[in-house]
Amino acid sequence: MTTVQLLVLCVCLVSQASGYSSGPPELACISMVPSGHGTSGQRGPSPYTITPSVDQYAEGGSVTLTIKGKNGERFKGFFVQARRADPSLNVEEPIGRFDTISGSKILCDKALGNAISHSSGSDKSEVVLTWNAPTSFQGHLVFKATIVQTQTVFWDNEISALVRDPTAPDIVTTTMGTGPPIDLFHLFRKWKLHCG
């Protein structure tokens, strides 16, 4: 092996092992699972919150989204999209667009600005983002995020509280026995948060 070949191999291995401090690659746009971290996401409760400023959005309106560590927990990276919450609709399509902030970049369909991530691996305790809704309602939404704490510790598939579309019917509910109706979306979300 020549010196040049060895150097290229070392650079490739180091870049693969170090993850993406400048944000995820375009390949992560659908699964939202980061590559280059050498491990899968955490399954226990996340030490982070994803909090929308409202519980209902308006056509063409904006929503402030805050990603924050519980008890001051810090993180190095984030990747966020708004997606439909109703499983009977296309839940893989990113909805709306994000405004960029310092230390962020737009991903996926850059012309639409429908996904945002970090552009630097510096420590963060809080990130405040602005999401802009489309000019027509798209159904109930959630913000789906991947939050990276360290090279080998990250949480993928983190989901915010539901942000409702005032024109959409409630998401599928069911009754069990003689009890009250149960919102399956929120039941699943609660199970995920507590059971991993």
C-alpha atoms as a PDB file:
ATOM      1  CA  MET A   1       0.000   0.000   0.000  1.00  0.00           C
ATOM      2  CA  THR A   2       1.403   3.385  -0.944  1.00  0.00           C
ATOM      3  CA  THR A   3       1.683   6.283   1.465  1.00  0.00           C
ATOM      4  CA  VAL A   4      -1.085   8.149  -0.361  1.00  0.00           C
ATOM      5  CA  GLN A   5      -3.433   5.162  -0.203  1.00  0.00           C
ATOM      6  CA  LEU A   6      -2.697   4.710   3.496  1.00  0.00           C
ATOM      7  CA  LEU A   7      -3.346   8.396   4.155  1.00  0.00           C
ATOM      8  CA  VAL A   8      -6.689   8.282   2.297  1.00  0.00           C
ATOM      9  CA  LEU A   9      -7.717   5.166   4.250  1.00  0.00           C
ATOM     10  CA  CYS A  10      -6.850   6.821   7.581  1.00  0.00           C
ATOM     11  CA  VAL A  11      -8.810   9.968   6.702  1.00  0.00           C
ATOM     12  CA  CYS A  12     -11.835   7.885   5.730  1.00  0.00           C
ATOM     13  CA  LEU A  13     -11.714   5.843   8.934  1.00  0.00           C
ATOM     14  CA  VAL A  14     -11.302   8.911  11.150  1.00  0.00           C
ATOM     15  CA  SER A  15     -14.189  10.760   9.482  1.00  0.00           C
ATOM     16  CA  GLN A  16     -16.416   7.683   9.826  1.00  0.00           C
ATOM     17  CA  ALA A  17     -15.529   7.277  13.498  1.00  0.00           C
ATOM     18  CA  SER A  18     -15.989  10.914  14.400  1.00  0.00           C
ATOM     19  CA  GLY A  19     -19.607  11.297  13.293  1.00  0.00           C
ATOM     20  CA  TYR A  20     -20.785  14.572  11.823  1.00  0.00           C
ATOM     21  CA  SER A  21     -20.054  17.508  14.092  1.00  0.00           C
ATOM     22  CA  SER A  22     -21.298  19.763  11.304  1.00  0.00           C
ATOM     23  CA  GLY A  23     -24.683  18.036  11.145  1.00  0.00           C
ATOM     24  CA  PRO A  24     -26.125  14.869   9.622  1.00  0.00           C
ATOM     25  CA  PRO A  25     -25.726  13.936   5.959  1.00  0.00           C
ATOM     26  CA  GLU A  26     -28.633  14.197   3.521  1.00  0.00           C
ATOM     27  CA  LEU A  27     -29.062  10.398   3.783  1.00  0.00           C
ATOM     28  CA  ALA A  28     -30.585  10.865   7.246  1.00  0.00           C
ATOM     29  CA  CYS A  29     -33.566  12.849   5.944  1.00  0.00           C
ATOM     30  CA  ILE A  30     -36.128  10.036   6.013  1.00  0.00           C
ATOM     31  CA  SER A  31     -35.016   7.820   8.896  1.00  0.00           C
ATOM     32  CA  MET A  32     -33.550  10.700  10.945  1.00  0.00           C
ATOM     33  CA  VAL A  33     -31.028   8.189  12.302  1.00  0.00           C
ATOM     34  CA  PRO A  34     -27.508   9.618  12.305  1.00  0.00           C
ATOM     35  CA  SER A  35     -24.750   7.679  10.626  1.00  0.00           C
ATOM     36  CA  GLY A  36     -21.102   7.722  11.596  1.00  0.00           C
ATOM     37  CA  HIS A  37     -21.806   7.361  15.321  1.00  0.00           C
ATOM     38  CA  GLY A  38     -20.994   3.658  15.478  1.00  0.00           C
ATOM     39  CA  THR A  39     -23.985   2.808  17.668  1.00  0.00           C
ATOM     40  CA  SER A  40     -27.785   2.863  17.719  1.00  0.00           C
ATOM     41  CA  GLY A  41     -29.921   5.393  19.546  1.00  0.00           C
ATOM     42  CA  GLN A  42     -30.673   5.234  23.254  1.00  0.00           C
ATOM     43  CA  ARG A  43     -33.891   3.472  24.259  1.00  0.00           C
ATOM     44  CA  GLY A  44     -34.260   4.879  27.765  1.00  0.00           C
ATOM     45  CA  PRO A  45     -35.962   8.160  28.638  1.00  0.00           C
ATOM     46  CA  SER A  46     -34.378  11.162  26.994  1.00  0.00           C
ATOM     47  CA  PRO A  47     -32.862  13.911  29.163  1.00  0.00           C
ATOM     48  CA  TYR A  48     -34.189  16.483  26.663  1.00  0.00           C
ATOM     49  CA  THR A  49     -37.492  18.179  25.965  1.00  0.00           C
ATOM     50  CA  ILE A  50     -38.890  19.283  22.613  1.00  0.00           C
ATOM     51  CA  THR A  51     -41.486  21.931  23.390  1.00  0.00           C
ATOM     52  CA  PRO A  52     -43.681  23.707  20.827  1.00  0.00           C
ATOM     53  CA  SER A  53     -44.934  27.159  21.872  1.00  0.00           C
ATOM     54  CA  VAL A  54     -48.533  26.350  20.907  1.00  0.00           C
ATOM     55  CA  ASP A  55     -50.807  23.327  20.802  1.00  0.00           C
ATOM     56  CA  GLN A  56     -52.511  24.419  17.563  1.00  0.00           C
ATOM     57  CA  TYR A  57     -51.004  25.926  14.427  1.00  0.00           C
ATOM     58  CA  ALA A  58     -52.438  28.362  11.890  1.00  0.00           C
ATOM     59  CA  GLU A  59     -52.090  28.348   8.110  1.00  0.00           C
ATOM     60  CA  GLY A  60     -48.970  30.369   7.287  1.00  0.00           C
ATOM     61  CA  GLY A  61     -48.312  30.925  11.002  1.00  0.00           C
ATOM     62  CA  SER A  62     -45.170  30.184  12.962  1.00  0.00           C
ATOM     63  CA  VAL A  63     -44.377  28.002  15.962  1.00  0.00           C
ATOM     64  CA  THR A  64     -41.425  28.452  18.284  1.00  0.00           C
ATOM     65  CA  LEU A  65     -39.808  25.135  19.135  1.00  0.00           C
ATOM     66  CA  THR A  66     -37.436  24.794  22.093  1.00  0.00           C
ATOM     67  CA  ILE A  67     -35.041  21.887  22.532  1.00  0.00           C
ATOM     68  CA  LYS A  68     -33.628  21.932  26.021  1.00  0.00           C
ATOM     69  CA  GLY A  69     -31.762  19.659  28.390  1.00  0.00           C
ATOM     70  CA  LYS A  70     -33.588  18.662  31.551  1.00  0.00           C
ATOM     71  CA  ASN A  71     -31.625  19.759  34.624  1.00  0.00           C
ATOM     72  CA  GLY A  72     -29.144  21.646  32.434  1.00  0.00           C
ATOM     73  CA  GLU A  73     -28.153  18.572  30.397  1.00  0.00           C
ATOM     74  CA  ARG A  74     -26.095  19.657  27.380  1.00  0.00           C
ATOM     75  CA  PHE A  75     -26.088  18.311  23.822  1.00  0.00           C
ATOM     76  CA  LYS A  76     -23.904  18.639  20.757  1.00  0.00           C
ATOM     77  CA  GLY A  77     -26.328  18.118  17.904  1.00  0.00           C
ATOM     78  CA  PHE A  78     -29.942  18.148  16.796  1.00  0.00           C
ATOM     79  CA  PHE A  79     -31.945  17.300  13.692  1.00  0.00           C
ATOM     80  CA  VAL A  80     -35.623  18.305  13.536  1.00  0.00           C
ATOM     81  CA  GLN A  81     -38.568  17.995  11.154  1.00  0.00           C
ATOM     82  CA  ALA A  82     -42.296  18.595  11.506  1.00  0.00           C
ATOM     83  CA  ARG A  83     -44.290  15.559  10.390  1.00  0.00           C
ATOM     84  CA  ARG A  84     -47.923  14.518  10.291  1.00  0.00           C
ATOM     85  CA  ALA A  85     -49.044  12.642  13.390  1.00  0.00           C
ATOM     86  CA  ASP A  86     -52.001  10.787  11.894  1.00  0.00           C
ATOM     87  CA  PRO A  87     -50.775   7.336  10.779  1.00  0.00           C
ATOM     88  CA  SER A  88     -53.450   7.264   8.066  1.00  0.00           C
ATOM     89  CA  LEU A  89     -51.568  10.113   6.308  1.00  0.00           C
ATOM     90  CA  ASN A  90     -47.991  10.315   4.979  1.00  0.00           C
ATOM     91  CA  VAL A  91     -46.000  10.528   8.235  1.00  0.00           C
ATOM     92  CA  GLU A  92     -42.609  10.428   6.454  1.00  0.00           C
ATOM     93  CA  GLU A  93     -42.989  13.750   4.617  1.00  0.00           C
ATOM     94  CA  PRO A  94     -41.444  16.795   6.319  1.00  0.00           C
ATOM     95  CA  ILE A  95     -43.962  19.636   6.587  1.00  0.00           C
ATOM     96  CA  GLY A  96     -43.389  23.414   6.654  1.00  0.00           C
ATOM     97  CA  ARG A  97     -40.048  25.178   6.821  1.00  0.00           C
ATOM     98  CA  PHE A  98     -37.574  26.307   9.465  1.00  0.00           C
ATOM     99  CA  ASP A  99     -35.772  29.632   9.756  1.00  0.00           C
ATOM    100  CA  THR A 100     -32.031  29.244  10.211  1.00  0.00           C
ATOM    101  CA  ILE A 101     -30.339  30.458  13.362  1.00  0.00           C
ATOM    102  CA  SER A 102     -26.674  30.820  14.236  1.00  0.00           C
ATOM    103  CA  GLY A 103     -25.074  27.373  14.433  1.00  0.00           C
ATOM    104  CA  SER A 104     -27.736  25.695  12.275  1.00  0.00           C
ATOM    105  CA  LYS A 105     -28.228  24.599   8.698  1.00  0.00           C
ATOM    106  CA  ILE A 106     -31.144  23.561   6.507  1.00  0.00           C
ATOM    107  CA  LEU A 107     -31.236  19.970   5.269  1.00  0.00           C
ATOM    108  CA  CYS A 108     -33.215  17.627   3.042  1.00  0.00           C
ATOM    109  CA  ASP A 109     -34.958  19.913   0.554  1.00  0.00           C
ATOM    110  CA  LYS A 110     -32.924  23.074   1.052  1.00  0.00           C
ATOM    111  CA  ALA A 111     -35.275  25.088  -1.186  1.00  0.00           C
ATOM    112  CA  LEU A 112     -38.152  24.261   1.167  1.00  0.00           C
ATOM    113  CA  GLY A 113     -36.187  24.455   4.422  1.00  0.00           C
ATOM    114  CA  ASN A 114     -38.181  21.558   5.834  1.00  0.00           C
ATOM    115  CA  ALA A 115     -35.483  20.139   8.150  1.00  0.00           C
ATOM    116  CA  ILE A 116     -32.937  21.839  10.368  1.00  0.00           C
ATOM    117  CA  SER A 117     -29.835  20.632  12.169  1.00  0.00           C
ATOM    118  CA  HIS A 118     -26.757  21.869  13.978  1.00  0.00           C
ATOM    119  CA  SER A 119     -23.821  23.080  11.903  1.00  0.00           C
ATOM    120  CA  SER A 120     -21.324  22.873  14.763  1.00  0.00           C
ATOM    121  CA  GLY A 121     -20.624  20.243  17.392  1.00  0.00           C
ATOM    122  CA  SER A 122     -20.250  22.781  20.196  1.00  0.00           C
ATOM    123  CA  ASP A 123     -22.086  22.171  23.486  1.00  0.00           C
ATOM    124  CA  LYS A 124     -25.641  23.510  23.669  1.00  0.00           C
ATOM    125  CA  SER A 125     -28.008  23.721  26.622  1.00  0.00           C
ATOM    126  CA  GLU A 126     -30.951  25.055  24.628  1.00  0.00           C
ATOM    127  CA  VAL A 127     -31.876  25.726  21.006  1.00  0.00           C
ATOM    128  CA  VAL A 128     -34.856  27.878  20.039  1.00  0.00           C
ATOM    129  CA  LEU A 129     -36.122  27.346  16.495  1.00  0.00           C
ATOM    130  CA  THR A 130     -38.853  28.946  14.415  1.00  0.00           C
ATOM    131  CA  TRP A 131     -40.992  26.696  12.236  1.00  0.00           C
ATOM    132  CA  ASN A 132     -43.300  28.185   9.605  1.00  0.00           C
ATOM    133  CA  ALA A 133     -46.493  26.367   8.701  1.00  0.00           C
ATOM    134  CA  PRO A 134     -47.578  25.893   5.088  1.00  0.00           C
ATOM    135  CA  THR A 135     -50.338  28.144   3.743  1.00  0.00           C
ATOM    136  CA  SER A 136     -52.783  25.225   3.919  1.00  0.00           C
ATOM    137  CA  PHE A 137     -53.461  22.896   6.830  1.00  0.00           C
ATOM    138  CA  GLN A 138     -51.690  19.514   6.717  1.00  0.00           C
ATOM    139  CA  GLY A 139     -53.295  17.585   9.579  1.00  0.00           C
ATOM    140  CA  HIS A 140     -52.123  17.269  13.176  1.00  0.00           C
ATOM    141  CA  LEU A 141     -48.342  17.522  13.479  1.00  0.00           C
ATOM    142  CA  VAL A 142     -45.499  16.562  15.786  1.00  0.00           C
ATOM    143  CA  PHE A 143     -41.902  17.676  15.747  1.00  0.00           C
ATOM    144  CA  LYS A 144     -39.643  14.675  15.339  1.00  0.00           C
ATOM    145  CA  ALA A 145     -36.025  15.057  16.456  1.00  0.00           C
ATOM    146  CA  THR A 146     -32.708  13.349  16.897  1.00  0.00           C
ATOM    147  CA  ILE A 147     -30.627  14.806  19.733  1.00  0.00           C
ATOM    148  CA  VAL A 148     -26.929  13.975  20.025  1.00  0.00           C
ATOM    149  CA  GLN A 149     -25.327  14.171  23.458  1.00  0.00           C
ATOM    150  CA  THR A 150     -21.919  12.689  22.595  1.00  0.00           C
ATOM    151  CA  GLN A 151     -20.302  10.726  19.790  1.00  0.00           C
ATOM    152  CA  THR A 152     -21.885   7.463  20.971  1.00  0.00           C
ATOM    153  CA  VAL A 153     -24.948   8.696  22.909  1.00  0.00           C
ATOM    154  CA  PHE A 154     -27.965  10.039  21.042  1.00  0.00           C
ATOM    155  CA  TRP A 155     -31.750   9.777  21.062  1.00  0.00           C
ATOM    156  CA  ASP A 156     -33.537   9.364  17.749  1.00  0.00           C
ATOM    157  CA  ASN A 157     -37.273   9.396  17.137  1.00  0.00           C
ATOM    158  CA  GLU A 158     -37.914  11.921  19.921  1.00  0.00           C
ATOM    159  CA  ILE A 159     -41.399  13.352  19.488  1.00  0.00           C
ATOM    160  CA  SER A 160     -42.922  16.605  20.730  1.00  0.00           C
ATOM    161  CA  ALA A 161     -46.416  17.100  22.020  1.00  0.00           C
ATOM    162  CA  LEU A 162     -49.101  17.133  19.343  1.00  0.00           C
ATOM    163  CA  VAL A 163     -49.630  20.428  17.515  1.00  0.00           C
ATOM    164  CA  ARG A 164     -53.201  20.328  16.288  1.00  0.00           C
ATOM    165  CA  ASP A 165     -54.718  21.283  12.962  1.00  0.00           C
ATOM    166  CA  PRO A 166     -58.041  22.942  13.916  1.00  0.00           C
ATOM    167  CA  THR A 167     -59.699  21.609  10.746  1.00  0.00           C
ATOM    168  CA  ALA A 168     -58.653  17.970  11.148  1.00  0.00           C
ATOM    169  CA  PRO A 169     -60.618  15.301  12.980  1.00  0.00           C
ATOM    170  CA  ASP A 170     -59.116  13.832  16.123  1.00  0.00           C
ATOM    171  CA  ILE A 171     -56.583  11.099  15.567  1.00  0.00           C
ATOM    172  CA  VAL A 172     -57.963   7.566  15.829  1.00  0.00           C
ATOM    173  CA  THR A 173     -59.185   6.773  19.304  1.00  0.00           C
ATOM    174  CA  THR A 174     -60.552   3.601  20.768  1.00  0.00           C
ATOM    175  CA  THR A 175     -62.376   2.510  23.876  1.00  0.00           C
ATOM    176  CA  MET A 176     -61.260  -0.368  26.026  1.00  0.00           C
ATOM    177  CA  GLY A 177     -63.982  -1.972  28.072  1.00  0.00           C
ATOM    178  CA  THR A 178     -66.312   0.599  29.598  1.00  0.00           C
ATOM    179  CA  GLY A 179     -63.662   3.303  30.148  1.00  0.00           C
ATOM    180  CA  PRO A 180     -63.350   6.633  28.372  1.00  0.00           C
ATOM    181  CA  PRO A 181     -61.923   6.930  24.835  1.00  0.00           C
ATOM    182  CA  ILE A 182     -58.155   6.675  24.634  1.00  0.00           C
ATOM    183  CA  ASP A 183     -56.080   8.779  22.244  1.00  0.00           C
ATOM    184  CA  LEU A 184     -53.760   6.095  20.835  1.00  0.00           C
ATOM    185  CA  PHE A 185     -51.145   8.628  19.717  1.00  0.00           C
ATOM    186  CA  HIS A 186     -50.717  10.020  23.216  1.00  0.00           C
ATOM    187  CA  LEU A 187     -50.881   6.552  24.766  1.00  0.00           C
ATOM    188  CA  PHE A 188     -48.037   5.384  22.499  1.00  0.00           C
ATOM    189  CA  ARG A 189     -46.034   8.554  23.216  1.00  0.00           C
ATOM    190  CA  LYS A 190     -46.448   8.055  26.989  1.00  0.00           C
ATOM    191  CA  TRP A 191     -45.415   4.405  26.682  1.00  0.00           C
ATOM    192  CA  LYS A 192     -42.338   5.393  24.634  1.00  0.00           C
ATOM    193  CA  LEU A 193     -41.260   8.004  27.166  1.00  0.00           C
ATOM    194  CA  HIS A 194     -41.612   5.702  30.162  1.00  0.00           C
ATOM    195  CA  CYS A 195     -40.791   2.297  28.749  1.00  0.00           C
ATOM    196  CA  GLY A 196     -38.202   3.117  26.103  1.00  0.00           C
END
